[in-house]
C-alpha atoms as a PDB file:
ATOM      1  CA  MET A   1     -18.406   3.159  15.838  1.00  0.00           C
ATOM      2  CA  GLU A   2     -16.108   0.474  16.851  1.00  0.00           C
ATOM      3  CA  LYS A   3     -12.668   0.173  15.113  1.00  0.00           C
ATOM      4  CA  LYS A   4     -11.314  -3.180  14.180  1.00  0.00           C
ATOM      5  CA  ILE A   5      -7.602  -3.814  13.775  1.00  0.00           C
ATOM      6  CA  ILE A   6      -6.763  -5.725  10.452  1.00  0.00           C
ATOM      7  CA  THR A   7      -3.533  -7.855  10.033  1.00  0.00           C
ATOM      8  CA  SER A   8      -2.429 -10.147   7.343  1.00  0.00           C
ATOM      9  CA  SER A   9       0.041 -13.054   7.163  1.00  0.00           C
ATOM     10  CA  GLY A  10       0.577 -11.989   3.568  1.00  0.00           C
ATOM     11  CA  SER A  11       1.873  -8.385   4.467  1.00  0.00           C
ATOM     12  CA  PRO A  12       4.883  -7.543   6.628  1.00  0.00           C
ATOM     13  CA  ALA A  13       4.452  -7.042  10.298  1.00  0.00           C
ATOM     14  CA  PRO A  14       4.616  -3.283  11.347  1.00  0.00           C
ATOM     15  CA  ILE A  15       7.911  -1.932  12.229  1.00  0.00           C
ATOM     16  CA  GLY A  16       6.639   0.384  14.798  1.00  0.00           C
ATOM     17  CA  PRO A  17       3.525   1.124  16.956  1.00  0.00           C
ATOM     18  CA  TYR A  18       0.913   0.867  14.241  1.00  0.00           C
ATOM     19  CA  SER A  19      -1.551  -1.429  12.709  1.00  0.00           C
ATOM     20  CA  PRO A  20      -1.424  -2.523   9.193  1.00  0.00           C
ATOM     21  CA  ALA A  21      -5.051  -1.447   8.732  1.00  0.00           C
ATOM     22  CA  VAL A  22      -7.995  -0.151  10.769  1.00  0.00           C
ATOM     23  CA  GLN A  23     -11.705  -0.691   9.778  1.00  0.00           C
ATOM     24  CA  VAL A  24     -14.322   1.583  11.079  1.00  0.00           C
ATOM     25  CA  GLY A  25     -17.737   0.898   9.759  1.00  0.00           C
ATOM     26  CA  ASN A  26     -17.556   0.106   6.081  1.00  0.00           C
ATOM     27  CA  THR A  27     -14.281   2.068   5.627  1.00  0.00           C
ATOM     28  CA  LEU A  28     -10.707   0.569   5.762  1.00  0.00           C
ATOM     29  CA  TYR A  29      -7.619   2.698   6.225  1.00  0.00           C
ATOM     30  CA  THR A  30      -4.349   1.163   5.590  1.00  0.00           C
ATOM     31  CA  SER A  31      -0.986   2.071   6.883  1.00  0.00           C
ATOM     32  CA  GLY A  32       1.614   2.886   4.412  1.00  0.00           C
ATOM     33  CA  GLN A  33       3.250  -0.195   2.895  1.00  0.00           C
ATOM     34  CA  VAL A  34       6.754  -0.666   1.611  1.00  0.00           C
ATOM     35  CA  ALA A  35       8.266  -3.449  -0.534  1.00  0.00           C
ATOM     36  CA  LYS A  36       9.216  -5.761   2.515  1.00  0.00           C
ATOM     37  CA  ASP A  37       8.523  -9.481   1.847  1.00  0.00           C
ATOM     38  CA  ALA A  38       6.288 -10.877   4.702  1.00  0.00           C
ATOM     39  CA  GLN A  39       8.095 -14.343   4.454  1.00  0.00           C
ATOM     40  CA  THR A  40      11.742 -13.474   4.228  1.00  0.00           C
ATOM     41  CA  GLY A  41      11.798  -9.974   5.853  1.00  0.00           C
ATOM     42  CA  ASN A  42      13.812  -8.754   2.955  1.00  0.00           C
ATOM     43  CA  MET A  43      13.140  -5.555   1.006  1.00  0.00           C
ATOM     44  CA  ILE A  44      12.471  -5.834  -2.704  1.00  0.00           C
ATOM     45  CA  GLN A  45      14.759  -3.065  -4.207  1.00  0.00           C
ATOM     46  CA  ASP A  46      15.846  -4.601  -7.478  1.00  0.00           C
ATOM     47  CA  ASN A  47      14.184  -1.913  -9.558  1.00  0.00           C
ATOM     48  CA  ILE A  48      11.270   0.662  -8.858  1.00  0.00           C
ATOM     49  CA  SER A  49       8.886  -1.452 -10.929  1.00  0.00           C
ATOM     50  CA  LEU A  50       9.336  -4.580  -8.848  1.00  0.00           C
ATOM     51  CA  GLU A  51       9.224  -2.480  -5.676  1.00  0.00           C
ATOM     52  CA  THR A  52       5.994  -0.853  -6.516  1.00  0.00           C
ATOM     53  CA  THR A  53       4.481  -4.218  -7.472  1.00  0.00           C
ATOM     54  CA  LYS A  54       5.548  -5.724  -3.985  1.00  0.00           C
ATOM     55  CA  VAL A  55       3.984  -2.723  -2.247  1.00  0.00           C
ATOM     56  CA  MET A  56       0.702  -3.128  -4.091  1.00  0.00           C
ATOM     57  CA  GLN A  57       0.837  -6.898  -3.341  1.00  0.00           C
ATOM     58  CA  ASN A  58       1.291  -6.174   0.353  1.00  0.00           C
ATOM     59  CA  LEU A  59      -1.621  -3.830   0.267  1.00  0.00           C
ATOM     60  CA  GLN A  60      -3.690  -6.430  -1.709  1.00  0.00           C
ATOM     61  CA  ALA A  61      -2.995  -8.950   1.243  1.00  0.00           C
ATOM     62  CA  ILE A  62      -4.326  -6.417   3.735  1.00  0.00           C
ATOM     63  CA  LEU A  63      -7.463  -5.444   1.601  1.00  0.00           C
ATOM     64  CA  ASN A  64      -8.214  -9.212   1.255  1.00  0.00           C
ATOM     65  CA  SER A  65      -7.833 -10.015   4.942  1.00  0.00           C
ATOM     66  CA  ALA A  66     -10.510  -7.381   5.608  1.00  0.00           C
ATOM     67  CA  GLY A  67     -12.697  -8.655   2.737  1.00  0.00           C
ATOM     68  CA  TYR A  68     -11.946  -5.613   0.431  1.00  0.00           C
ATOM     69  CA  ASP A  69     -10.239  -5.530  -3.021  1.00  0.00           C
ATOM     70  CA  PHE A  70      -8.939  -2.748  -5.209  1.00  0.00           C
ATOM     71  CA  SER A  71     -12.359  -2.013  -6.567  1.00  0.00           C
ATOM     72  CA  ASN A  72     -13.316  -0.753  -3.001  1.00  0.00           C
ATOM     73  CA  VAL A  73     -10.225   1.727  -2.996  1.00  0.00           C
ATOM     74  CA  VAL A  74     -11.405   5.342  -3.002  1.00  0.00           C
ATOM     75  CA  LYS A  75      -8.157   7.188  -2.132  1.00  0.00           C
ATOM     76  CA  THR A  76      -4.439   6.326  -2.237  1.00  0.00           C
ATOM     77  CA  THR A  77      -1.339   8.320  -1.189  1.00  0.00           C
ATOM     78  CA  ILE A  78       2.011   7.514  -2.893  1.00  0.00           C
ATOM     79  CA  TYR A  79       5.219   8.676  -1.288  1.00  0.00           C
ATOM     80  CA  CYS A  80       8.423   8.252  -3.356  1.00  0.00           C
ATOM     81  CA  THR A  81      11.982   9.437  -2.898  1.00  0.00           C
ATOM     82  CA  ASP A  82      12.468  10.567  -6.585  1.00  0.00           C
ATOM     83  CA  LEU A  83       9.597  11.821  -8.964  1.00  0.00           C
ATOM     84  CA  ASN A  84      11.810  10.712 -11.871  1.00  0.00           C
ATOM     85  CA  ASP A  85      10.456   7.180 -11.047  1.00  0.00           C
ATOM     86  CA  PHE A  86       6.840   8.383 -11.474  1.00  0.00           C
ATOM     87  CA  ALA A  87       6.144   6.744 -14.770  1.00  0.00           C
ATOM     88  CA  ALA A  88       7.419   3.410 -13.685  1.00  0.00           C
ATOM     89  CA  ILE A  89       5.550   3.585 -10.278  1.00  0.00           C
ATOM     90  CA  ASN A  90       2.382   4.850 -12.215  1.00  0.00           C
ATOM     91  CA  GLU A  91       2.591   1.719 -14.467  1.00  0.00           C
ATOM     92  CA  ALA A  92       3.004  -0.743 -11.774  1.00  0.00           C
ATOM     93  CA  TYR A  93       0.370   0.813  -9.510  1.00  0.00           C
ATOM     94  CA  GLY A  94      -2.200   1.051 -12.334  1.00  0.00           C
ATOM     95  CA  SER A  95      -1.917  -2.599 -13.260  1.00  0.00           C
ATOM     96  CA  PHE A  96      -3.713  -3.453 -10.047  1.00  0.00           C
ATOM     97  CA  PHE A  97      -6.857  -1.509 -11.034  1.00  0.00           C
ATOM     98  CA  SER A  98      -9.297  -2.070 -13.873  1.00  0.00           C
ATOM     99  CA  GLY A  99     -10.719   1.437 -14.351  1.00  0.00           C
ATOM    100  CA  ASN A 100     -12.587   3.496 -11.840  1.00  0.00           C
ATOM    101  CA  TYR A 101      -9.366   4.621 -10.444  1.00  0.00           C
ATOM    102  CA  PRO A 102      -9.211   6.048  -6.874  1.00  0.00           C
ATOM    103  CA  ALA A 103      -8.303   9.749  -6.108  1.00  0.00           C
ATOM    104  CA  ARG A 104      -4.696   9.914  -5.539  1.00  0.00           C
ATOM    105  CA  GLU A 105      -1.692  12.177  -4.809  1.00  0.00           C
ATOM    106  CA  THR A 106       1.990  11.363  -5.254  1.00  0.00           C
ATOM    107  CA  VAL A 107       4.473  13.293  -3.113  1.00  0.00           C
ATOM    108  CA  GLN A 108       8.321  13.198  -3.211  1.00  0.00           C
ATOM    109  CA  VAL A 109       9.956  12.871   0.082  1.00  0.00           C
ATOM    110  CA  VAL A 110      13.515  12.874   1.110  1.00  0.00           C
ATOM    111  CA  ARG A 111      13.534   9.371   2.922  1.00  0.00           C
ATOM    112  CA  LEU A 112      11.214   6.493   3.554  1.00  0.00           C
ATOM    113  CA  PRO A 113      11.624   3.701   6.193  1.00  0.00           C
ATOM    114  CA  LEU A 114      13.942   0.738   5.527  1.00  0.00           C
ATOM    115  CA  GLY A 115      15.511   2.373   2.572  1.00  0.00           C
ATOM    116  CA  ALA A 116      12.187   2.186   0.512  1.00  0.00           C
ATOM    117  CA  ARG A 117      11.847   4.284  -2.577  1.00  0.00           C
ATOM    118  CA  VAL A 118       8.166   3.924  -2.640  1.00  0.00           C
ATOM    119  CA  GLU A 119       5.420   3.796   0.058  1.00  0.00           C
ATOM    120  CA  ILE A 120       1.632   3.617  -0.575  1.00  0.00           C
ATOM    121  CA  SER A 121      -1.302   3.989   1.818  1.00  0.00           C
ATOM    122  CA  MET A 122      -4.970   3.453   0.816  1.00  0.00           C
ATOM    123  CA  VAL A 123      -8.646   4.118   2.005  1.00  0.00           C
ATOM    124  CA  ALA A 124     -11.224   1.624   0.977  1.00  0.00           C
ATOM    125  CA  VAL A 125     -15.036   1.749   1.317  1.00  0.00           C
ATOM    126  CA  LYS A 126     -17.596  -1.009   1.003  1.00  0.00           C
ATOM    127  CA  ASN A 127     -21.182  -0.218  -0.122  1.00  0.00           C
END
């Protein structure tokens, strides 16, 4: 199967040698997204809820560019620098789904790019 590189003007440009997302067949793999604003280049770091919401908006832009939406997401990985933020991250993250939640793990890490406190990646599948 051929892989198709997915980009979006609504999500920030990669900060390294990777693609925002890659589609293979009916499956879309997103790279991890942080709360960087695509227009200003600034990180959203006012609070963890706003940061998580911006991460999800960036992912939404990528999903939409490929013709997917959150109902197609089957797996997510959340990296955070402080598991004490879990409840706030969970609430913001969960507001983008309407049931039938994807499988997920949440992992605390020492550090994330650009000083981010949360990074999320996704796998989405279309029928």
